[in-house]
Amino acid sequence: MKRILLLAFLTLTTTFINADTLTLKSGHPDSYIVKKGDTLWDISAFFLKDPWRWPKLWGANPQIANPHLIYPGDRLTLVFIDGQPRLVLKQHIKKGPEGRISDKGGPIPAIDLSLIQPYLVHNRIVDPEWVESLPMILAGESTSRHHVVGNVVYINANLPVGEKLAVYLEGREFIDKENSEVLGQEIILTASGRVTESGEISKVELLSSLRESKAGYRVAPVEDEALMSAYFIPKASPETTIANVIAIEKDVREVGKLDIVYLDKGAQDGIETGHVFAIYRDGETIVINSDGKPVSTIDRNAYDRLKATISDDEALKMPDIYKGKLMVFKVFDKTSMGIIIANERPVRLDDKLVTPKTTDLRGE
């Protein structure tokens, strides 16, 4: 039976976590049978108050050759070894007719990969100058302004016959709010095609269509990096890196669990697929007025606002407010994309992203 190596689940070892103690969730089960559709993240929530410490449950367990292979039908039993909780895995072996061992399906992923699979292919953030250099759709054989599968479109470049192309719609341009640096241009895949006739104006037949393509859409060769693997190993984000939510994939004001957002940090900042951030809203600054009374942000007058910027003694920063967590699944040069994997409050633009700590784990 073919066994696919599964992702190791989230491993965090930060200064905020006691490396020797696991805290079990109140009301945890003594055992659990893995079901089809489960994820490692979901299963960990049954046992641990701190789901990041999942791999610790497998520690020092000699009967598990590879603890990261968990399949539907496997029974996970909670035991204690030297006073520490551990999970013992009893593998499910299903026999078919004539006693043959039959395939029980693929292993359990860290998260539901179907949630992010479209974005692994459809969305990219690239250098705006690179986008401007790409050839574009001029028109098509059809008189319609909208081109779909089976249509032939005209491209203003001499392209080799047989070359496979991706068609992109230009989306948002992302700007760093602190220094006004251009972080990248969003491009969204609308179709794929193949060059059928080469010349000063080349012909391209559209082979697939995610949405209608129009004149002005850019085309580029299909590259492997645009078809990234969905397999990654989750891990803590760098403690020295603070990021921000710069855009929401949906056209809405706020989002929650399993929604997609863009970050203002990327590969050049050391961000990798699998990095996990805790999401916070900056705590407001309370000003002490002339009567010695605290004044909130919405109640300040001009003088209070001035004091908030110049006086440390009379302007007090309140604690940041925890919202949830996100996990990076696609990284570009200066930006990245993440999926919200837990949230207690709605996530909005400009929310702050930092490395997680144990106090971030309420309600997960």
Protein backbone atom coordinates (compact mmCIF):
# COMPACT_ATOMS: atom_id res chain seq x y z
CA MET A 1 0.00 0.00 0.00
CA LYS A 2 1.39 3.34 -1.03
CA ARG A 3 1.91 5.62 1.96
CA ILE A 4 2.42 9.33 1.46
CA LEU A 5 4.58 11.12 3.98
CA LEU A 6 2.37 13.62 5.78
CA LEU A 7 3.24 17.00 7.19
CA ALA A 8 4.68 17.18 10.68
CA PHE A 9 2.21 19.16 12.75
CA LEU A 10 2.94 22.53 14.27
CA THR A 11 6.08 22.66 16.42
CA LEU A 12 6.73 25.78 18.42
CA THR A 13 9.60 26.29 20.87
CA THR A 14 9.62 29.90 21.94
CA THR A 15 10.60 31.62 25.14
CA PHE A 16 6.92 31.84 25.99
CA ILE A 17 6.43 28.06 26.17
CA ASN A 18 7.54 25.70 28.89
CA ALA A 19 9.26 22.92 26.95
CA ASP A 20 8.56 20.23 29.57
CA THR A 21 4.84 20.63 30.30
CA LEU A 22 1.77 19.90 28.25
CA THR A 23 -1.65 21.14 29.31
CA LEU A 24 -4.55 18.90 28.37
CA LYS A 25 -7.85 20.46 27.41
CA SER A 26 -10.66 20.20 29.92
CA GLY A 27 -13.01 17.36 29.01
CA HIS A 28 -10.52 15.75 26.61
CA PRO A 29 -11.27 12.21 25.43
CA ASP A 30 -9.18 9.20 26.43
CA SER A 31 -9.06 8.04 22.82
CA TYR A 32 -10.09 9.14 19.36
CA ILE A 33 -10.66 7.29 16.10
CA VAL A 34 -9.45 9.28 13.12
CA LYS A 35 -12.21 9.96 10.60
CA LYS A 36 -12.13 10.83 6.92
CA GLY A 37 -12.13 14.61 6.60
CA ASP A 38 -10.26 15.18 9.89
CA THR A 39 -7.21 17.41 9.98
CA LEU A 40 -4.34 17.36 12.45
CA TRP A 41 -5.37 20.81 13.61
CA ASP A 42 -8.91 19.59 14.40
CA ILE A 43 -7.70 16.47 16.19
CA SER A 44 -5.24 18.39 18.35
CA ALA A 45 -8.06 20.56 19.67
CA PHE A 46 -9.69 17.48 21.23
CA PHE A 47 -6.68 16.84 23.47
CA LEU A 48 -4.60 19.97 23.99
CA LYS A 49 -5.33 23.34 25.51
CA ASP A 50 -2.25 24.42 23.59
CA PRO A 51 -2.66 22.83 20.12
CA TRP A 52 0.75 24.05 18.96
CA ARG A 53 2.39 21.41 21.12
CA TRP A 54 0.90 18.47 19.24
CA PRO A 55 4.25 16.84 18.38
CA LYS A 56 5.13 16.71 22.09
CA LEU A 57 2.34 14.16 22.55
CA TRP A 58 4.27 11.78 20.30
CA GLY A 59 7.60 12.20 22.11
CA ALA A 60 9.56 9.21 23.36
CA ASN A 61 7.07 6.76 21.90
CA PRO A 62 9.09 3.86 20.45
CA GLN A 63 6.11 2.01 19.02
CA ILE A 64 5.44 4.75 16.46
CA ALA A 65 8.00 4.55 13.68
CA ASN A 66 6.69 7.66 11.95
CA PRO A 67 4.25 9.62 14.13
CA HIS A 68 3.29 11.98 11.34
CA LEU A 69 1.48 9.30 9.33
CA ILE A 70 -2.08 9.31 10.64
CA TYR A 71 -4.86 7.70 8.61
CA PRO A 72 -8.65 7.41 8.85
CA GLY A 73 -9.48 4.50 11.12
CA ASP A 74 -6.37 4.85 13.30
CA ARG A 75 -7.11 4.94 17.03
CA LEU A 76 -5.26 7.52 19.12
CA THR A 77 -5.15 6.60 22.80
CA LEU A 78 -4.01 8.97 25.54
CA VAL A 79 -1.56 7.52 28.08
CA PHE A 80 0.92 8.97 30.57
CA ILE A 81 4.65 8.24 30.43
CA ASP A 82 6.75 9.57 33.32
CA GLY A 83 3.85 11.80 34.23
CA GLN A 84 3.60 13.35 30.77
CA PRO A 85 0.66 12.80 28.37
CA ARG A 86 1.46 10.84 25.24
CA LEU A 87 -0.58 9.48 22.38
CA VAL A 88 -0.31 5.83 21.42
CA LEU A 89 -1.28 5.03 17.86
CA LYS A 90 -3.09 1.82 17.01
CA GLN A 91 -3.03 1.66 13.22
CA HIS A 92 -6.13 0.68 11.34
CA ILE A 93 -5.64 -2.33 9.07
CA LYS A 94 -8.59 -3.08 6.84
CA LYS A 95 -8.73 -6.44 5.09
CA GLY A 96 -10.65 -6.92 1.93
CA PRO A 97 -11.91 -10.15 0.36
CA GLU A 98 -9.54 -13.11 0.57
CA GLY A 99 -7.68 -11.48 3.46
CA ARG A 100 -5.82 -8.93 1.36
CA ILE A 101 -4.95 -5.63 2.99
CA SER A 102 -6.83 -2.85 1.22
CA ASP A 103 -6.01 0.84 0.92
CA LYS A 104 -7.64 2.95 3.64
CA GLY A 105 -7.17 6.27 1.86
CA GLY A 106 -4.65 9.06 2.18
CA PRO A 107 -3.16 10.38 5.40
CA ILE A 108 -4.65 13.23 7.44
CA PRO A 109 -3.41 16.71 6.43
CA ALA A 110 -2.56 19.56 8.80
CA ILE A 111 -5.42 21.66 7.39
CA ASP A 112 -8.08 21.16 4.72
CA LEU A 113 -5.98 21.68 1.60
CA SER A 114 -9.05 22.30 -0.55
CA LEU A 115 -9.40 25.67 1.20
CA ILE A 116 -6.14 27.01 -0.19
CA GLN A 117 -5.64 24.98 -3.37
CA PRO A 118 -7.27 27.60 -5.66
CA TYR A 119 -5.02 30.36 -4.33
CA LEU A 120 -1.90 28.28 -4.86
CA VAL A 121 -2.59 28.50 -8.59
CA HIS A 122 -4.80 31.53 -9.19
CA ASN A 123 -3.23 34.43 -7.30
CA ARG A 124 0.30 35.83 -7.59
CA ILE A 125 2.00 39.05 -6.51
CA VAL A 126 4.76 40.16 -8.86
CA ASP A 127 6.86 43.17 -9.83
CA PRO A 128 4.60 45.76 -11.54
CA GLU A 129 7.29 46.44 -14.15
CA TRP A 130 7.31 42.75 -15.05
CA VAL A 131 3.55 42.84 -15.59
CA GLU A 132 3.86 45.87 -17.86
CA SER A 133 6.43 44.01 -19.98
CA LEU A 134 4.08 41.09 -20.70
CA PRO A 135 2.22 40.74 -24.00
CA MET A 136 -1.55 41.13 -23.86
CA ILE A 137 -4.77 40.04 -25.47
CA LEU A 138 -5.70 42.43 -28.27
CA ALA A 139 -8.95 40.84 -29.45
CA GLY A 140 -10.30 37.45 -30.51
CA GLU A 141 -11.80 35.60 -33.45
CA SER A 142 -15.16 35.93 -31.74
CA THR A 143 -16.79 39.36 -31.86
CA SER A 144 -17.59 39.06 -28.17
CA ARG A 145 -15.56 41.14 -25.71
CA HIS A 146 -15.50 38.14 -23.36
CA HIS A 147 -13.35 35.10 -24.23
CA VAL A 148 -13.84 31.60 -22.77
CA VAL A 149 -12.74 28.00 -23.35
CA GLY A 150 -12.40 27.14 -27.04
CA ASN A 151 -12.08 30.76 -28.17
CA VAL A 152 -9.00 31.92 -30.08
CA VAL A 153 -7.47 35.21 -28.95
CA TYR A 154 -4.83 37.43 -30.56
CA ILE A 155 -1.62 38.28 -28.66
CA ASN A 156 0.72 41.17 -29.57
CA ALA A 157 3.90 39.08 -29.54
CA ASN A 158 5.71 36.51 -31.68
CA LEU A 159 5.19 33.37 -29.56
CA PRO A 160 6.42 29.83 -30.35
CA VAL A 161 3.77 27.42 -31.54
CA GLY A 162 2.78 24.97 -28.82
CA GLU A 163 3.83 27.18 -25.89
CA LYS A 164 1.42 27.02 -22.94
CA LEU A 165 0.35 30.37 -21.53
CA ALA A 166 -1.44 31.66 -18.46
CA VAL A 167 -3.81 34.62 -18.81
CA TYR A 168 -3.85 37.11 -15.94
CA LEU A 169 -6.12 39.92 -14.81
CA GLU A 170 -4.30 42.77 -13.07
CA GLY A 171 -5.62 43.24 -9.55
CA ARG A 172 -4.54 45.48 -6.69
CA GLU A 173 -1.19 47.17 -6.24
CA PHE A 174 0.12 46.82 -2.69
CA ILE A 175 1.98 49.69 -1.03
CA ASP A 176 3.91 49.70 2.26
CA LYS A 177 2.13 52.29 4.41
CA GLU A 178 5.26 53.14 6.39
CA ASN A 179 7.60 54.03 3.54
CA SER A 180 5.32 54.04 0.46
CA GLU A 181 7.39 51.26 -1.15
CA VAL A 182 5.61 49.26 -3.82
CA LEU A 183 5.31 45.72 -2.48
CA GLY A 184 3.93 44.17 -5.64
CA GLN A 185 1.14 43.87 -8.16
CA GLU A 186 -1.59 41.28 -7.70
CA ILE A 187 -2.39 39.22 -10.79
CA ILE A 188 -5.25 36.73 -10.93
CA LEU A 189 -5.33 33.73 -13.24
CA THR A 190 -8.33 33.79 -15.59
CA ALA A 191 -7.47 31.18 -18.22
CA SER A 192 -4.82 29.00 -19.79
CA GLY A 193 -4.10 28.49 -23.44
CA ARG A 194 -1.74 27.19 -26.11
CA VAL A 195 -0.17 29.04 -29.04
CA THR A 196 -1.62 27.68 -32.29
CA GLU A 197 -0.15 30.16 -34.77
CA SER A 198 2.98 32.29 -34.50
CA GLY A 199 3.61 35.71 -36.01
CA GLU A 200 3.76 39.39 -35.23
CA ILE A 201 0.26 38.77 -33.86
CA SER A 202 0.07 35.23 -32.46
CA LYS A 203 -3.05 33.11 -32.05
CA VAL A 204 -3.76 31.37 -28.74
CA GLU A 205 -6.56 28.87 -28.15
CA LEU A 206 -7.99 29.01 -24.61
CA LEU A 207 -7.90 25.53 -23.07
CA SER A 208 -9.38 26.31 -19.67
CA SER A 209 -11.26 29.22 -18.18
CA LEU A 210 -11.67 30.23 -14.53
CA ARG A 211 -13.44 33.44 -15.52
CA GLU A 212 -13.97 35.39 -18.72
CA SER A 213 -10.85 36.94 -20.28
CA LYS A 214 -10.84 40.32 -22.01
CA ALA A 215 -8.67 42.53 -24.19
CA GLY A 216 -5.85 44.01 -22.13
CA TYR A 217 -5.36 40.91 -19.96
CA ARG A 218 -1.70 39.88 -19.78
CA VAL A 219 -0.24 36.51 -20.78
CA ALA A 220 2.84 34.73 -19.47
CA PRO A 221 4.38 31.28 -19.86
CA VAL A 222 3.05 28.72 -17.39
CA GLU A 223 5.74 28.25 -14.75
CA ASP A 224 6.14 25.67 -12.03
CA GLU A 225 6.27 28.36 -9.34
CA ALA A 226 2.72 29.32 -10.26
CA LEU A 227 1.64 25.75 -9.49
CA MET A 228 3.14 25.45 -6.02
CA SER A 229 2.75 22.34 -3.90
CA ALA A 230 0.16 22.47 -1.14
CA TYR A 231 2.40 20.48 1.19
CA PHE A 232 4.30 22.41 3.84
CA ILE A 233 5.45 22.11 7.44
CA PRO A 234 3.83 24.62 9.83
CA LYS A 235 6.15 26.42 12.27
CA ALA A 236 6.41 29.57 14.37
CA SER A 237 7.02 32.84 12.56
CA PRO A 238 10.32 34.62 13.32
CA GLU A 239 10.19 36.41 16.67
CA THR A 240 11.88 39.48 15.18
CA THR A 241 9.39 39.86 12.32
CA ILE A 242 6.25 41.96 12.76
CA ALA A 243 3.88 41.94 9.81
CA ASN A 244 0.51 43.50 9.00
CA VAL A 245 -2.62 42.52 7.12
CA ILE A 246 -2.49 44.69 4.00
CA ALA A 247 -5.43 43.25 2.07
CA ILE A 248 -8.33 40.82 2.33
CA GLU A 249 -8.92 38.40 -0.50
CA LYS A 250 -12.67 38.98 -0.34
CA ASP A 251 -14.18 42.40 -0.96
CA VAL A 252 -15.37 42.73 2.63
CA ARG A 253 -14.45 44.80 5.70
CA GLU A 254 -13.62 41.95 8.06
CA VAL A 255 -13.05 38.20 7.89
CA GLY A 256 -12.76 35.16 10.15
CA LYS A 257 -11.66 31.55 10.33
CA LEU A 258 -10.60 29.94 7.03
CA ASP A 259 -10.60 33.25 5.14
CA ILE A 260 -7.57 34.43 3.14
CA VAL A 261 -5.54 37.61 3.71
CA TYR A 262 -2.38 39.22 2.33
CA LEU A 263 0.65 40.11 4.51
CA ASP A 264 3.20 42.89 3.97
CA LYS A 265 6.17 40.57 4.53
CA GLY A 266 7.64 38.01 2.16
CA ALA A 267 10.68 35.95 1.24
CA GLN A 268 13.09 38.87 1.57
CA ASP A 269 11.93 39.20 5.21
CA GLY A 270 12.55 35.53 5.95
CA ILE A 271 8.92 34.45 5.64
CA GLU A 272 8.35 30.85 4.56
CA THR A 273 5.32 28.69 3.80
CA GLY A 274 4.01 27.25 7.04
CA HIS A 275 4.95 30.23 9.22
CA VAL A 276 2.24 30.92 11.78
CA PHE A 277 1.44 34.37 13.16
CA ALA A 278 -0.75 35.52 16.04
CA ILE A 279 -3.14 38.28 14.99
CA TYR A 280 -3.58 41.39 17.17
CA ARG A 281 -5.28 44.76 17.07
CA ASP A 282 -3.11 47.54 18.45
CA GLY A 283 -4.26 48.62 21.89
CA GLU A 284 -5.45 52.22 21.97
CA THR A 285 -3.51 54.98 23.68
CA ILE A 286 -5.34 56.52 26.65
CA VAL A 287 -4.51 60.15 27.48
CA ILE A 288 -4.71 61.57 31.02
CA ASN A 289 -6.37 64.98 30.79
CA SER A 290 -5.84 68.07 32.95
CA ASP A 291 -8.36 66.76 35.49
CA GLY A 292 -6.38 63.53 35.86
CA LYS A 293 -9.07 61.54 34.05
CA PRO A 294 -8.41 58.99 31.27
CA VAL A 295 -9.65 59.98 27.83
CA SER A 296 -10.22 57.33 25.16
CA THR A 297 -9.25 57.78 21.52
CA ILE A 298 -12.74 58.66 20.31
CA ASP A 299 -13.20 61.30 23.04
CA ARG A 300 -9.95 63.23 22.56
CA ASN A 301 -9.81 66.87 21.68
CA ALA A 302 -6.94 68.48 19.72
CA TYR A 303 -4.89 69.05 22.87
CA ASP A 304 -5.33 65.42 23.98
CA ARG A 305 -4.20 64.20 20.57
CA LEU A 306 -1.10 66.37 20.81
CA LYS A 307 -0.28 64.96 24.26
CA ALA A 308 -0.70 61.43 22.91
CA THR A 309 2.15 62.03 20.48
CA ILE A 310 4.63 63.90 22.72
CA SER A 311 4.03 62.84 26.33
CA ASP A 312 4.88 59.36 27.55
CA ASP A 313 3.74 60.19 31.09
CA GLU A 314 0.25 61.33 30.08
CA ALA A 315 -0.32 58.91 27.18
CA LEU A 316 -0.61 55.26 28.16
CA LYS A 317 -0.65 52.45 25.59
CA MET A 318 -3.24 49.76 26.38
CA PRO A 319 -2.45 46.06 25.78
CA ASP A 320 -2.85 44.77 22.24
CA ILE A 321 -6.04 42.75 21.69
CA TYR A 322 -5.65 39.15 20.55
CA LYS A 323 -7.77 38.10 17.56
CA GLY A 324 -6.52 34.73 16.35
CA LYS A 325 -3.90 33.07 14.17
CA LEU A 326 -3.06 32.70 10.53
CA MET A 327 -0.74 30.38 8.66
CA VAL A 328 1.27 31.45 5.60
CA PHE A 329 0.74 29.14 2.63
CA LYS A 330 2.14 31.12 -0.29
CA VAL A 331 5.15 33.45 -0.29
CA PHE A 332 6.22 36.12 -2.78
CA ASP A 333 9.23 38.43 -2.70
CA LYS A 334 7.81 41.20 -0.50
CA THR A 335 4.38 39.82 0.41
CA SER A 336 2.66 36.56 1.26
CA MET A 337 -0.77 34.97 1.64
CA GLY A 338 -2.14 33.39 4.79
CA ILE A 339 -5.23 31.48 5.91
CA ILE A 340 -6.86 32.35 9.24
CA ILE A 341 -6.82 29.12 11.23
CA ALA A 342 -8.36 30.37 14.49
CA ASN A 343 -10.07 33.57 15.51
CA GLU A 344 -11.86 35.03 18.52
CA ARG A 345 -12.58 38.40 16.90
CA PRO A 346 -13.01 39.56 13.29
CA VAL A 347 -9.76 40.23 11.42
CA ARG A 348 -9.41 43.57 9.61
CA LEU A 349 -6.95 45.52 7.50
CA ASP A 350 -3.85 46.76 9.37
CA ASP A 351 -4.13 44.12 12.11
CA LYS A 352 -0.69 43.31 13.52
CA LEU A 353 0.95 39.89 13.11
CA VAL A 354 3.56 38.58 15.57
CA THR A 355 5.07 35.27 16.62
CA PRO A 356 2.59 33.28 18.78
CA LYS A 357 2.86 32.76 22.52
CA THR A 358 0.90 30.60 24.95
CA THR A 359 -1.42 33.45 25.94
CA ASP A 360 -2.63 33.50 22.34
CA LEU A 361 -4.22 30.09 22.66
CA ARG A 362 -7.54 30.91 24.33
CA GLY A 363 -10.54 29.14 22.92
CA GLU A 364 -8.70 27.06 20.31
